[in-house]
Amino acid sequence: MAHKKGEIKMSFVVAIDGPSGTGKGTITKLIAQELNLVNIDTGAMYRSIALACFAEGIHTIEQKEKIIQIAKNVDIQIQHHGAEQEIFLNGENVSCKIRTQEVTMMSSIVSSIPEVREIMVKLQRKMAQGQDVIMEGRDITTVVFPNADVKIYLDATLSQRATRRYKEYQEKGINLTYEEVLKTIEKRDYDDSHRKIGALKIAPDATVIDTTNMTIQEVKQSIKQIILEKKNLT
C-alpha cells in the first residue's frame, strides 16, 4: 500500500468509520478474530483521556490546556486476550470504567480538541506499526489512515442506532430512557460532523454499508468478503 509522508508503514490496514450505533465495535472485534487482525479501538483511547480528566477534576473544555497536557502524559495500552480487548490507563485496567455515559460525553469534548487528536493519531499509527490491523472510529479512513487498504463506512438510521444503543445500555444495567439515548446520539452526530479537524465524513473511496436492516452476521460477512478480495490482490 502507498503511504503519505509521515505515515508509518503497515502490512495491511482495514479502516472502518461511521456514527454511533452502527455496530463498528462489534463488527471490528468479530473480523479481527476471524482474520487474525490486530484490533485497535480508537474510541477507547479518547475515552481513556476523558477518564483521566475526571481524575483531575476536569469536566469541561474550559480547561483545554490541562486536557492537552493529560493527553501528552498518560500511558494508554491496549492488550488482546483472544477475542477480548482490555484497555489500560497508566497501568490500570479501565475497560469497564470508560464505558459510562459520563465518559462518553466527555470523550466527545476531548476528541474535539485538535492538539489531542494530533497526539492520538500519532499513537494510533505507532500502535499499528508493522502489523495487520483493523481500526474503527470517526476519522480513520480520512485522517488516521487515508491510504488504508480497505475503507468501510458503516451507517444506519438514527432511530435504529438509538434502539441498538438503548438495548446495549439496558443489558449493562445503565438506566437511561430511549429518548435520552436518542438525544445523546443526535448531539454526538452533530458534534462529530462539525469538527474542524477529524470530522465524521465519508471518504471518497470508502465502501458504504447501510446496516439498518442487516444482522451483525450479515454485516460481518459483507466486510469480510471485501477484505479477502483485497488481500488476494495485494
Protein backbone atom coordinates (compact mmCIF):
# COMPACT_ATOMS: atom_id res chain seq x y z
CA MET A 1 0.00 0.00 0.00
CA ALA A 2 1.20 3.56 -0.75
CA HIS A 3 1.98 5.86 2.15
CA LYS A 4 1.95 9.59 2.55
CA LYS A 5 4.90 11.37 4.10
CA GLY A 6 4.92 10.84 7.86
CA GLU A 7 2.62 7.81 7.76
CA ILE A 8 4.16 4.70 9.29
CA LYS A 9 4.33 1.67 7.04
CA MET A 10 2.00 -1.19 7.85
CA SER A 11 1.42 -4.62 6.33
CA PHE A 12 -2.34 -4.37 5.81
CA VAL A 13 -4.83 -1.85 7.19
CA VAL A 14 -8.61 -2.08 7.39
CA ALA A 15 -10.24 1.24 8.36
CA ILE A 16 -13.87 1.50 9.44
CA ASP A 17 -15.70 4.77 10.11
CA GLY A 18 -19.29 5.63 10.96
CA PRO A 19 -21.55 7.25 13.56
CA SER A 20 -22.53 5.80 16.95
CA GLY A 21 -24.69 2.69 16.97
CA THR A 22 -23.78 1.29 13.56
CA GLY A 23 -22.08 -1.77 15.04
CA LYS A 24 -18.48 -0.72 14.32
CA GLY A 25 -17.09 -2.02 17.60
CA THR A 26 -18.81 -5.40 17.46
CA ILE A 27 -18.02 -5.94 13.79
CA THR A 28 -14.38 -4.97 14.23
CA LYS A 29 -13.91 -7.47 17.07
CA LEU A 30 -15.50 -10.30 15.09
CA ILE A 31 -13.48 -9.67 11.95
CA ALA A 32 -10.24 -9.21 13.90
CA GLN A 33 -10.73 -12.62 15.46
CA GLU A 34 -11.66 -14.42 12.24
CA LEU A 35 -8.98 -12.89 10.04
CA ASN A 36 -6.25 -12.61 12.67
CA LEU A 37 -6.07 -8.81 12.52
CA VAL A 38 -4.98 -6.59 15.42
CA ASN A 39 -8.00 -4.61 16.64
CA ILE A 40 -7.21 -1.05 17.78
CA ASP A 41 -10.17 0.67 19.47
CA THR A 42 -9.58 4.39 18.89
CA GLY A 43 -12.75 5.38 20.72
CA ALA A 44 -11.45 3.67 23.86
CA MET A 45 -8.33 5.80 23.62
CA TYR A 46 -10.31 9.05 23.71
CA ARG A 47 -12.48 7.64 26.48
CA SER A 48 -9.33 6.93 28.47
CA ILE A 49 -8.26 10.56 28.15
CA ALA A 50 -11.74 11.58 29.34
CA LEU A 51 -11.45 9.30 32.37
CA ALA A 52 -8.02 10.74 33.16
CA CYS A 53 -9.56 14.21 33.01
CA PHE A 54 -12.23 13.24 35.56
CA ALA A 55 -9.47 12.04 37.90
CA GLU A 56 -8.04 15.57 37.74
CA GLY A 57 -11.41 17.22 38.33
CA ILE A 58 -11.74 18.37 34.73
CA HIS A 59 -15.24 18.18 33.23
CA THR A 60 -15.40 20.93 30.60
CA ILE A 61 -13.43 22.21 27.62
CA GLU A 62 -12.68 25.44 29.52
CA GLN A 63 -9.61 23.65 30.88
CA LYS A 64 -8.38 22.82 27.41
CA GLU A 65 -4.68 23.29 28.15
CA LYS A 66 -4.84 20.86 31.07
CA ILE A 67 -6.61 18.32 28.86
CA ILE A 68 -3.84 18.61 26.27
CA GLN A 69 -1.20 18.06 28.95
CA ILE A 70 -3.04 14.98 30.19
CA ALA A 71 -3.15 13.59 26.64
CA LYS A 72 0.60 14.16 26.32
CA ASN A 73 1.47 12.44 29.58
CA VAL A 74 -0.91 9.49 30.02
CA ASP A 75 0.08 5.95 29.17
CA ILE A 76 -2.58 4.10 27.16
CA GLN A 77 -2.10 0.42 26.34
CA ILE A 78 -4.39 -1.99 24.51
CA GLN A 79 -3.90 -5.65 25.34
CA HIS A 80 -5.53 -8.55 23.50
CA HIS A 81 -6.51 -11.84 25.09
CA GLY A 82 -8.01 -13.93 22.33
CA ALA A 83 -11.18 -12.14 21.24
CA GLU A 84 -11.16 -9.92 24.32
CA GLN A 85 -9.56 -6.49 24.39
CA GLU A 86 -8.50 -4.70 27.58
CA ILE A 87 -7.69 -1.01 27.92
CA PHE A 88 -5.05 0.10 30.43
CA LEU A 89 -4.70 3.71 31.57
CA ASN A 90 -1.47 4.40 33.46
CA GLY A 91 -1.23 0.70 34.27
CA GLU A 92 -4.85 0.30 35.45
CA ASN A 93 -7.40 -1.82 33.59
CA VAL A 94 -10.18 0.68 32.80
CA SER A 95 -12.07 -1.43 30.24
CA CYS A 96 -15.34 -1.08 32.18
CA LYS A 97 -14.82 2.37 33.64
CA ILE A 98 -14.57 4.04 30.22
CA ARG A 99 -17.99 2.78 29.08
CA THR A 100 -20.19 5.03 31.23
CA GLN A 101 -22.47 7.71 29.80
CA GLU A 102 -20.44 10.44 31.54
CA VAL A 103 -17.21 9.27 29.95
CA THR A 104 -18.96 9.04 26.58
CA MET A 105 -19.98 12.71 26.75
CA MET A 106 -16.58 13.85 27.98
CA SER A 107 -14.77 11.87 25.27
CA SER A 108 -16.72 13.86 22.68
CA ILE A 109 -15.33 17.06 24.24
CA VAL A 110 -11.81 15.66 24.47
CA SER A 111 -11.79 14.46 20.87
CA SER A 112 -12.87 17.88 19.61
CA ILE A 113 -9.52 19.41 20.65
CA PRO A 114 -7.14 19.46 17.64
CA GLU A 115 -4.00 19.05 19.76
CA VAL A 116 -5.44 15.97 21.47
CA ARG A 117 -6.41 14.44 18.13
CA GLU A 118 -2.90 15.02 16.82
CA ILE A 119 -1.41 13.23 19.83
CA MET A 120 -3.84 10.32 19.49
CA VAL A 121 -3.32 9.94 15.73
CA LYS A 122 0.43 9.58 16.28
CA LEU A 123 -0.21 6.97 18.98
CA GLN A 124 -2.69 5.08 16.79
CA ARG A 125 -0.20 4.91 13.92
CA LYS A 126 2.53 3.79 16.31
CA MET A 127 0.31 1.02 17.71
CA ALA A 128 -0.37 -0.23 14.20
CA GLN A 129 3.25 -0.23 13.08
CA GLY A 130 4.34 -3.44 11.38
CA GLN A 131 1.04 -5.28 11.95
CA ASP A 132 -2.06 -6.26 10.01
CA VAL A 133 -4.68 -4.12 11.73
CA ILE A 134 -8.36 -3.26 11.76
CA MET A 135 -9.28 0.09 13.28
CA GLU A 136 -12.63 1.79 13.76
CA GLY A 137 -13.60 5.32 14.67
CA ARG A 138 -14.79 8.59 13.14
CA ASP A 139 -11.82 9.69 11.02
CA ILE A 140 -9.80 6.54 10.42
CA THR A 141 -10.39 6.43 6.65
CA THR A 142 -9.90 10.18 6.19
CA VAL A 143 -7.19 11.23 8.68
CA VAL A 144 -5.50 8.39 10.57
CA PHE A 145 -5.01 6.05 7.60
CA PRO A 146 -6.07 7.88 4.42
CA ASN A 147 -4.27 5.19 2.38
CA ALA A 148 -5.76 2.17 4.15
CA ASP A 149 -6.04 -0.98 2.05
CA VAL A 150 -9.75 -1.29 2.86
CA LYS A 151 -12.06 1.60 3.76
CA ILE A 152 -15.56 0.98 5.08
CA TYR A 153 -18.21 3.47 6.20
CA LEU A 154 -20.98 1.91 8.28
CA ASP A 155 -24.28 3.75 8.55
CA ALA A 156 -27.84 3.24 9.81
CA THR A 157 -30.92 5.35 10.53
CA LEU A 158 -30.88 7.45 13.69
CA SER A 159 -33.81 5.55 15.22
CA GLN A 160 -32.17 2.18 14.59
CA ARG A 161 -28.88 3.32 16.07
CA ALA A 162 -30.63 4.71 19.15
CA THR A 163 -32.54 1.43 19.58
CA ARG A 164 -29.32 -0.58 19.45
CA ARG A 165 -27.53 1.65 21.94
CA TYR A 166 -30.57 1.67 24.27
CA LYS A 167 -30.65 -2.15 24.32
CA GLU A 168 -26.90 -2.22 24.92
CA TYR A 169 -27.25 0.10 27.91
CA GLN A 170 -30.12 -1.96 29.33
CA GLU A 171 -28.01 -5.11 29.12
CA LYS A 172 -25.23 -3.32 31.01
CA GLY A 173 -27.62 -2.02 33.66
CA ILE A 174 -27.30 1.61 32.57
CA ASN A 175 -30.59 3.30 33.41
CA LEU A 176 -31.41 5.68 30.54
CA THR A 177 -34.64 6.16 28.61
CA TYR A 178 -34.79 5.66 24.85
CA GLU A 179 -35.41 9.41 24.44
CA GLU A 180 -32.26 10.23 26.42
CA VAL A 181 -30.20 7.87 24.30
CA LEU A 182 -31.68 9.31 21.11
CA LYS A 183 -30.83 12.88 22.13
CA THR A 184 -27.29 11.87 23.09
CA ILE A 185 -26.68 10.24 19.71
CA GLU A 186 -28.19 13.21 17.87
CA LYS A 187 -25.82 15.55 19.69
CA ARG A 188 -22.86 13.25 19.07
CA ASP A 189 -23.72 13.10 15.36
CA TYR A 190 -23.80 16.89 15.15
CA ASP A 191 -20.57 17.34 17.10
CA ASP A 192 -18.72 14.65 15.14
CA SER A 193 -19.76 16.01 11.74
CA HIS A 194 -18.93 19.63 12.60
CA ARG A 195 -15.41 19.21 13.95
CA LYS A 196 -12.76 21.47 12.42
CA ILE A 197 -10.33 18.55 12.46
CA GLY A 198 -11.18 14.87 12.13
CA ALA A 199 -14.85 15.40 11.27
CA LEU A 200 -17.01 12.38 10.57
CA LYS A 201 -17.42 12.11 6.82
CA ILE A 202 -17.40 9.51 4.10
CA ALA A 203 -14.07 9.06 2.34
CA PRO A 204 -14.49 9.28 -1.47
CA ASP A 205 -13.12 5.76 -1.93
CA ALA A 206 -14.89 4.12 1.02
CA THR A 207 -17.48 1.38 0.63
CA VAL A 208 -20.71 2.49 2.34
CA ILE A 209 -22.77 -0.20 4.07
CA ASP A 210 -26.20 0.66 5.48
CA THR A 211 -26.67 -1.69 8.44
CA THR A 212 -30.23 -0.58 9.31
CA ASN A 213 -31.87 -3.82 8.18
CA MET A 214 -28.86 -6.11 8.45
CA THR A 215 -27.86 -8.54 11.17
CA ILE A 216 -24.40 -8.41 12.71
CA GLN A 217 -23.52 -11.61 10.84
CA GLU A 218 -24.64 -10.14 7.51
CA VAL A 219 -22.56 -7.01 8.03
CA LYS A 220 -19.58 -9.07 9.12
CA GLN A 221 -19.76 -11.30 6.05
CA SER A 222 -20.03 -8.30 3.71
CA ILE A 223 -16.93 -6.65 5.15
CA LYS A 224 -15.04 -9.92 5.42
CA GLN A 225 -15.63 -10.58 1.72
CA ILE A 226 -14.31 -7.11 0.81
CA ILE A 227 -11.18 -7.68 2.90
CA LEU A 228 -10.47 -11.13 1.48
CA GLU A 229 -10.90 -9.90 -2.09
CA LYS A 230 -8.49 -7.02 -1.43
CA LYS A 231 -5.95 -9.28 0.26
CA ASN A 232 -5.93 -11.56 -2.77
CA LEU A 233 -4.98 -8.57 -4.93
CA THR A 234 -2.13 -7.38 -2.72
